[in-house]
Amino acid sequence: MTGEEFSGPPGPKLTRLVYFVGAAVACTVAINKWREFESKSIIQQQEKQPGVKVVAEITNSSDSVGVHKALK
């Protein structure tokens, strides 16, 4: 055996592809929700501190991984 699957009905391969794409979409949604949650948390913390300018920014580029924040 060469490590490749026997040719058969395309059903199992297509099902695995659909599961893989669905998992990728679910992970992307979860990551975006987490970033939104973290951003709101930082804004709330900054609002509680007097004299601190509220600046929270989330960029959509692949370079930025976290939430950028500016303090005093």
PDB file of N, CA and C in Angstrom:
ATOM      1  N   MET A   1       0.846  -1.169   0.000  1.00  0.00           N
ATOM      2  CA  MET A   1       0.000   0.000   0.000  1.00  0.00           C
ATOM      3  C   MET A   1       0.899   1.241   0.000  1.00  0.00           C
ATOM      4  N   THR A   2       0.527   2.246  -0.756  1.00  0.00           N
ATOM      5  CA  THR A   2       1.345   3.450  -0.897  1.00  0.00           C
ATOM      6  C   THR A   2       0.949   4.560   0.056  1.00  0.00           C
ATOM      7  N   GLY A   3      -0.009   4.328   0.906  1.00  0.00           N
ATOM      8  CA  GLY A   3      -0.441   5.351   1.836  1.00  0.00           C
ATOM      9  C   GLY A   3      -1.644   6.124   1.344  1.00  0.00           C
ATOM     10  N   GLU A   4      -2.011   5.917   0.081  1.00  0.00           N
ATOM     11  CA  GLU A   4      -3.183   6.594  -0.445  1.00  0.00           C
ATOM     12  C   GLU A   4      -4.412   5.733  -0.200  1.00  0.00           C
ATOM     13  N   GLU A   5      -5.555   6.372  -0.198  1.00  0.00           N
ATOM     14  CA  GLU A   5      -6.781   5.631   0.033  1.00  0.00           C
ATOM     15  C   GLU A   5      -7.218   4.928  -1.241  1.00  0.00           C
ATOM     16  N   PHE A   6      -7.934   3.835  -1.058  1.00  0.00           N
ATOM     17  CA  PHE A   6      -8.502   3.155  -2.212  1.00  0.00           C
ATOM     18  C   PHE A   6      -9.573   4.047  -2.804  1.00  0.00           C
ATOM     19  N   SER A   7      -9.675   3.999  -4.125  1.00  0.00           N
ATOM     20  CA  SER A   7     -10.721   4.818  -4.746  1.00  0.00           C
ATOM     21  C   SER A   7     -12.068   4.168  -4.480  1.00  0.00           C
ATOM     22  N   GLY A   8     -12.952   4.932  -4.004  1.00  0.00           N
ATOM     23  CA  GLY A   8     -14.273   4.451  -3.673  1.00  0.00           C
ATOM     24  C   GLY A   8     -15.260   5.571  -3.863  1.00  0.00           C
ATOM     25  N   PRO A   9     -16.359   5.482  -3.212  1.00  0.00           N
ATOM     26  CA  PRO A   9     -17.338   6.569  -3.352  1.00  0.00           C
ATOM     27  C   PRO A   9     -16.787   7.856  -2.748  1.00  0.00           C
ATOM     28  N   PRO A  10     -17.085   8.986  -3.367  1.00  0.00           N
ATOM     29  CA  PRO A  10     -16.532  10.258  -2.876  1.00  0.00           C
ATOM     30  C   PRO A  10     -17.191  10.747  -1.589  1.00  0.00           C
ATOM     31  N   GLY A  11     -18.159  10.065  -1.101  1.00  0.00           N
ATOM     32  CA  GLY A  11     -18.883  10.487   0.091  1.00  0.00           C
ATOM     33  C   GLY A  11     -18.013  10.717   1.306  1.00  0.00           C
ATOM     34  N   PRO A  12     -17.202   9.742   1.735  1.00  0.00           N
ATOM     35  CA  PRO A  12     -16.386   9.955   2.944  1.00  0.00           C
ATOM     36  C   PRO A  12     -15.381  11.099   2.800  1.00  0.00           C
ATOM     37  N   LYS A  13     -14.780  11.238   1.620  1.00  0.00           N
ATOM     38  CA  LYS A  13     -13.822  12.325   1.421  1.00  0.00           C
ATOM     39  C   LYS A  13     -14.519  13.674   1.468  1.00  0.00           C
ATOM     40  N   LEU A  14     -15.683  13.749   0.841  1.00  0.00           N
ATOM     41  CA  LEU A  14     -16.434  14.995   0.827  1.00  0.00           C
ATOM     42  C   LEU A  14     -16.925  15.337   2.229  1.00  0.00           C
ATOM     43  N   THR A  15     -17.345  14.338   2.973  1.00  0.00           N
ATOM     44  CA  THR A  15     -17.800  14.560   4.346  1.00  0.00           C
ATOM     45  C   THR A  15     -16.672  15.101   5.212  1.00  0.00           C
ATOM     46  N   ARG A  16     -15.485  14.527   5.089  1.00  0.00           N
ATOM     47  CA  ARG A  16     -14.336  15.013   5.862  1.00  0.00           C
ATOM     48  C   ARG A  16     -13.985  16.446   5.477  1.00  0.00           C
ATOM     49  N   LEU A  17     -14.087  16.774   4.180  1.00  0.00           N
ATOM     50  CA  LEU A  17     -13.804  18.134   3.737  1.00  0.00           C
ATOM     51  C   LEU A  17     -14.804  19.116   4.341  1.00  0.00           C
ATOM     52  N   VAL A  18     -16.078  18.739   4.340  1.00  0.00           N
ATOM     53  CA  VAL A  18     -17.107  19.611   4.912  1.00  0.00           C
ATOM     54  C   VAL A  18     -16.869  19.788   6.412  1.00  0.00           C
ATOM     55  N   TYR A  19     -16.506  18.715   7.122  1.00  0.00           N
ATOM     56  CA  TYR A  19     -16.198  18.829   8.550  1.00  0.00           C
ATOM     57  C   TYR A  19     -15.012  19.752   8.782  1.00  0.00           C
ATOM     58  N   PHE A  20     -13.988  19.621   7.965  1.00  0.00           N
ATOM     59  CA  PHE A  20     -12.786  20.441   8.108  1.00  0.00           C
ATOM     60  C   PHE A  20     -13.116  21.914   7.897  1.00  0.00           C
ATOM     61  N   VAL A  21     -13.879  22.221   6.850  1.00  0.00           N
ATOM     62  CA  VAL A  21     -14.249  23.611   6.578  1.00  0.00           C
ATOM     63  C   VAL A  21     -15.140  24.144   7.700  1.00  0.00           C
ATOM     64  N   GLY A  22     -16.059  23.331   8.184  1.00  0.00           N
ATOM     65  CA  GLY A  22     -16.916  23.750   9.283  1.00  0.00           C
ATOM     66  C   GLY A  22     -16.127  24.034  10.545  1.00  0.00           C
ATOM     67  N   ALA A  23     -15.128  23.204  10.828  1.00  0.00           N
ATOM     68  CA  ALA A  23     -14.288  23.428  12.006  1.00  0.00           C
ATOM     69  C   ALA A  23     -13.491  24.722  11.861  1.00  0.00           C
ATOM     70  N   ALA A  24     -13.012  25.012  10.655  1.00  0.00           N
ATOM     71  CA  ALA A  24     -12.261  26.248  10.424  1.00  0.00           C
ATOM     72  C   ALA A  24     -13.155  27.467  10.639  1.00  0.00           C
ATOM     73  N   VAL A  25     -14.379  27.394  10.167  1.00  0.00           N
ATOM     74  CA  VAL A  25     -15.318  28.508  10.357  1.00  0.00           C
ATOM     75  C   VAL A  25     -15.627  28.687  11.844  1.00  0.00           C
ATOM     76  N   ALA A  26     -15.859  27.587  12.543  1.00  0.00           N
ATOM     77  CA  ALA A  26     -16.158  27.664  13.974  1.00  0.00           C
ATOM     78  C   ALA A  26     -14.986  28.270  14.747  1.00  0.00           C
ATOM     79  N   CYS A  27     -13.771  27.875  14.411  1.00  0.00           N
ATOM     80  CA  CYS A  27     -12.587  28.430  15.089  1.00  0.00           C
ATOM     81  C   CYS A  27     -12.437  29.918  14.808  1.00  0.00           C
ATOM     82  N   THR A  28     -12.679  30.327  13.574  1.00  0.00           N
ATOM     83  CA  THR A  28     -12.577  31.741  13.217  1.00  0.00           C
ATOM     84  C   THR A  28     -13.598  32.574  13.989  1.00  0.00           C
ATOM     85  N   VAL A  29     -14.815  32.082  14.075  1.00  0.00           N
ATOM     86  CA  VAL A  29     -15.855  32.796  14.829  1.00  0.00           C
ATOM     87  C   VAL A  29     -15.466  32.889  16.300  1.00  0.00           C
ATOM     88  N   ALA A  30     -14.942  31.799  16.859  1.00  0.00           N
ATOM     89  CA  ALA A  30     -14.553  31.793  18.272  1.00  0.00           C
ATOM     90  C   ALA A  30     -13.418  32.781  18.533  1.00  0.00           C
ATOM     91  N   ILE A  31     -12.448  32.840  17.641  1.00  0.00           N
ATOM     92  CA  ILE A  31     -11.325  33.776  17.801  1.00  0.00           C
ATOM     93  C   ILE A  31     -11.823  35.214  17.748  1.00  0.00           C
ATOM     94  N   ASN A  32     -12.707  35.514  16.809  1.00  0.00           N
ATOM     95  CA  ASN A  32     -13.240  36.878  16.704  1.00  0.00           C
ATOM     96  C   ASN A  32     -14.049  37.262  17.936  1.00  0.00           C
ATOM     97  N   LYS A  33     -14.842  36.335  18.467  1.00  0.00           N
ATOM     98  CA  LYS A  33     -15.608  36.604  19.683  1.00  0.00           C
ATOM     99  C   LYS A  33     -14.676  36.852  20.858  1.00  0.00           C
ATOM    100  N   TRP A  34     -13.588  36.082  20.958  1.00  0.00           N
ATOM    101  CA  TRP A  34     -12.634  36.251  22.046  1.00  0.00           C
ATOM    102  C   TRP A  34     -11.972  37.622  21.964  1.00  0.00           C
ATOM    103  N   ARG A  35     -11.587  38.034  20.765  1.00  0.00           N
ATOM    104  CA  ARG A  35     -10.973  39.359  20.601  1.00  0.00           C
ATOM    105  C   ARG A  35     -11.948  40.462  20.998  1.00  0.00           C
ATOM    106  N   GLU A  36     -13.215  40.302  20.617  1.00  0.00           N
ATOM    107  CA  GLU A  36     -14.236  41.282  20.988  1.00  0.00           C
ATOM    108  C   GLU A  36     -14.408  41.334  22.503  1.00  0.00           C
ATOM    109  N   PHE A  37     -14.425  40.171  23.141  1.00  0.00           N
ATOM    110  CA  PHE A  37     -14.551  40.093  24.591  1.00  0.00           C
ATOM    111  C   PHE A  37     -13.373  40.776  25.280  1.00  0.00           C
ATOM    112  N   GLU A  38     -12.158  40.501  24.817  1.00  0.00           N
ATOM    113  CA  GLU A  38     -10.965  41.111  25.409  1.00  0.00           C
ATOM    114  C   GLU A  38     -10.970  42.627  25.222  1.00  0.00           C
ATOM    115  N   SER A  39     -11.391  43.077  24.056  1.00  0.00           N
ATOM    116  CA  SER A  39     -11.441  44.509  23.783  1.00  0.00           C
ATOM    117  C   SER A  39     -12.416  45.202  24.728  1.00  0.00           C
ATOM    118  N   LYS A  40     -13.595  44.626  24.907  1.00  0.00           N
ATOM    119  CA  LYS A  40     -14.578  45.208  25.819  1.00  0.00           C
ATOM    120  C   LYS A  40     -14.063  45.208  27.246  1.00  0.00           C
ATOM    121  N   SER A  41     -13.351  44.169  27.630  1.00  0.00           N
ATOM    122  CA  SER A  41     -12.797  44.086  28.974  1.00  0.00           C
ATOM    123  C   SER A  41     -11.777  45.196  29.214  1.00  0.00           C
ATOM    124  N   ILE A  42     -10.927  45.439  28.244  1.00  0.00           N
ATOM    125  CA  ILE A  42      -9.909  46.484  28.371  1.00  0.00           C
ATOM    126  C   ILE A  42     -10.561  47.856  28.442  1.00  0.00           C
ATOM    127  N   ILE A  43     -11.585  48.069  27.627  1.00  0.00           N
ATOM    128  CA  ILE A  43     -12.279  49.364  27.643  1.00  0.00           C
ATOM    129  C   ILE A  43     -12.935  49.592  28.998  1.00  0.00           C
ATOM    130  N   GLN A  44     -13.547  48.556  29.558  1.00  0.00           N
ATOM    131  CA  GLN A  44     -14.185  48.700  30.864  1.00  0.00           C
ATOM    132  C   GLN A  44     -13.158  48.989  31.950  1.00  0.00           C
ATOM    133  N   GLN A  45     -11.994  48.362  31.889  1.00  0.00           N
ATOM    134  CA  GLN A  45     -10.950  48.616  32.876  1.00  0.00           C
ATOM    135  C   GLN A  45     -10.451  50.044  32.768  1.00  0.00           C
ATOM    136  N   GLN A  46     -10.324  50.539  31.536  1.00  0.00           N
ATOM    137  CA  GLN A  46      -9.835  51.899  31.347  1.00  0.00           C
ATOM    138  C   GLN A  46     -10.867  52.923  31.801  1.00  0.00           C
ATOM    139  N   GLU A  47     -12.151  52.609  31.643  1.00  0.00           N
ATOM    140  CA  GLU A  47     -13.187  53.545  32.076  1.00  0.00           C
ATOM    141  C   GLU A  47     -13.237  53.669  33.597  1.00  0.00           C
ATOM    142  N   LYS A  48     -12.846  52.626  34.302  1.00  0.00           N
ATOM    143  CA  LYS A  48     -12.866  52.652  35.764  1.00  0.00           C
ATOM    144  C   LYS A  48     -11.738  53.501  36.325  1.00  0.00           C
ATOM    145  N   GLN A  49     -10.638  53.641  35.581  1.00  0.00           N
ATOM    146  CA  GLN A  49      -9.493  54.409  36.061  1.00  0.00           C
ATOM    147  C   GLN A  49      -9.682  55.875  35.682  1.00  0.00           C
ATOM    148  N   PRO A  50      -9.684  56.773  36.659  1.00  0.00           N
ATOM    149  CA  PRO A  50      -9.859  58.195  36.341  1.00  0.00           C
ATOM    150  C   PRO A  50      -8.610  58.768  35.675  1.00  0.00           C
ATOM    151  N   GLY A  51      -8.822  59.655  34.739  1.00  0.00           N
ATOM    152  CA  GLY A  51      -7.711  60.344  34.095  1.00  0.00           C
ATOM    153  C   GLY A  51      -7.020  59.551  33.014  1.00  0.00           C
ATOM    154  N   VAL A  52      -7.580  58.437  32.600  1.00  0.00           N
ATOM    155  CA  VAL A  52      -6.964  57.630  31.551  1.00  0.00           C
ATOM    156  C   VAL A  52      -7.793  57.773  30.291  1.00  0.00           C
ATOM    157  N   LYS A  53      -7.134  58.103  29.220  1.00  0.00           N
ATOM    158  CA  LYS A  53      -7.810  58.232  27.941  1.00  0.00           C
ATOM    159  C   LYS A  53      -8.181  56.839  27.433  1.00  0.00           C
ATOM    160  N   VAL A  54      -9.412  56.640  27.015  1.00  0.00           N
ATOM    161  CA  VAL A  54      -9.893  55.329  26.574  1.00  0.00           C
ATOM    162  C   VAL A  54      -9.545  55.147  25.107  1.00  0.00           C
ATOM    163  N   VAL A  55      -8.601  54.244  24.856  1.00  0.00           N
ATOM    164  CA  VAL A  55      -8.220  53.922  23.489  1.00  0.00           C
ATOM    165  C   VAL A  55      -7.978  52.425  23.431  1.00  0.00           C
ATOM    166  N   ALA A  56      -8.796  51.723  22.702  1.00  0.00           N
ATOM    167  CA  ALA A  56      -8.593  50.294  22.462  1.00  0.00           C
ATOM    168  C   ALA A  56      -8.802  50.052  20.988  1.00  0.00           C
ATOM    169  N   GLU A  57      -7.894  49.338  20.397  1.00  0.00           N
ATOM    170  CA  GLU A  57      -7.943  49.165  18.956  1.00  0.00           C
ATOM    171  C   GLU A  57      -7.645  47.715  18.617  1.00  0.00           C
ATOM    172  N   ILE A  58      -8.453  47.157  17.746  1.00  0.00           N
ATOM    173  CA  ILE A  58      -8.182  45.824  17.223  1.00  0.00           C
ATOM    174  C   ILE A  58      -8.053  45.968  15.723  1.00  0.00           C
ATOM    175  N   THR A  59      -6.909  45.609  15.196  1.00  0.00           N
ATOM    176  CA  THR A  59      -6.730  45.673  13.756  1.00  0.00           C
ATOM    177  C   THR A  59      -6.991  44.301  13.165  1.00  0.00           C
ATOM    178  N   ASN A  60      -7.389  44.274  11.934  1.00  0.00           N
ATOM    179  CA  ASN A  60      -7.733  43.020  11.282  1.00  0.00           C
ATOM    180  C   ASN A  60      -6.581  42.424  10.495  1.00  0.00           C
ATOM    181  N   SER A  61      -5.408  43.035  10.546  1.00  0.00           N
ATOM    182  CA  SER A  61      -4.290  42.489   9.797  1.00  0.00           C
ATOM    183  C   SER A  61      -3.744  41.252  10.487  1.00  0.00           C
ATOM    184  N   SER A  62      -3.081  40.424   9.725  1.00  0.00           N
ATOM    185  CA  SER A  62      -2.534  39.194  10.286  1.00  0.00           C
ATOM    186  C   SER A  62      -1.300  39.475  11.144  1.00  0.00           C
ATOM    187  N   ASP A  63      -0.753  40.687  11.040  1.00  0.00           N
ATOM    188  CA  ASP A  63       0.422  41.043  11.833  1.00  0.00           C
ATOM    189  C   ASP A  63       0.081  41.199  13.304  1.00  0.00           C
ATOM    190  N   SER A  64      -1.100  41.728  13.585  1.00  0.00           N
ATOM    191  CA  SER A  64      -1.454  41.983  14.971  1.00  0.00           C
ATOM    192  C   SER A  64      -2.118  40.746  15.553  1.00  0.00           C
ATOM    193  N   VAL A  65      -1.669  40.356  16.704  1.00  0.00           N
ATOM    194  CA  VAL A  65      -2.217  39.168  17.342  1.00  0.00           C
ATOM    195  C   VAL A  65      -3.083  39.553  18.527  1.00  0.00           C
ATOM    196  N   GLY A  66      -2.744  40.634  19.178  1.00  0.00           N
ATOM    197  CA  GLY A  66      -3.468  40.999  20.392  1.00  0.00           C
ATOM    198  C   GLY A  66      -4.178  42.322  20.250  1.00  0.00           C
ATOM    199  N   VAL A  67      -4.603  42.790  21.357  1.00  0.00           N
ATOM    200  CA  VAL A  67      -5.288  44.068  21.411  1.00  0.00           C
ATOM    201  C   VAL A  67      -4.276  45.126  21.797  1.00  0.00           C
ATOM    202  N   HIS A  68      -4.209  46.180  21.007  1.00  0.00           N
ATOM    203  CA  HIS A  68      -3.294  47.268  21.302  1.00  0.00           C
ATOM    204  C   HIS A  68      -4.008  48.258  22.198  1.00  0.00           C
ATOM    205  N   LYS A  69      -3.338  48.691  23.212  1.00  0.00           N
ATOM    206  CA  LYS A  69      -3.983  49.643  24.105  1.00  0.00           C
ATOM    207  C   LYS A  69      -3.022  50.766  24.447  1.00  0.00           C
ATOM    208  N   ALA A  70      -3.581  51.913  24.692  1.00  0.00           N
ATOM    209  CA  ALA A  70      -2.773  53.079  25.053  1.00  0.00           C
ATOM    210  C   ALA A  70      -3.164  53.500  26.457  1.00  0.00           C
ATOM    211  N   LEU A  71      -2.195  53.675  27.274  1.00  0.00           N
ATOM    212  CA  LEU A  71      -2.412  54.162  28.635  1.00  0.00           C
ATOM    213  C   LEU A  71      -1.803  55.531  28.762  1.00  0.00           C
ATOM    214  N   LYS A  72      -2.200  56.256  29.765  1.00  0.00           N
ATOM    215  CA  LYS A  72      -1.719  57.609  30.091  1.00  0.00           C
ATOM    216  C   LYS A  72      -0.735  58.155  29.099  1.00  0.00           C
TER     217      LYS A  72
END
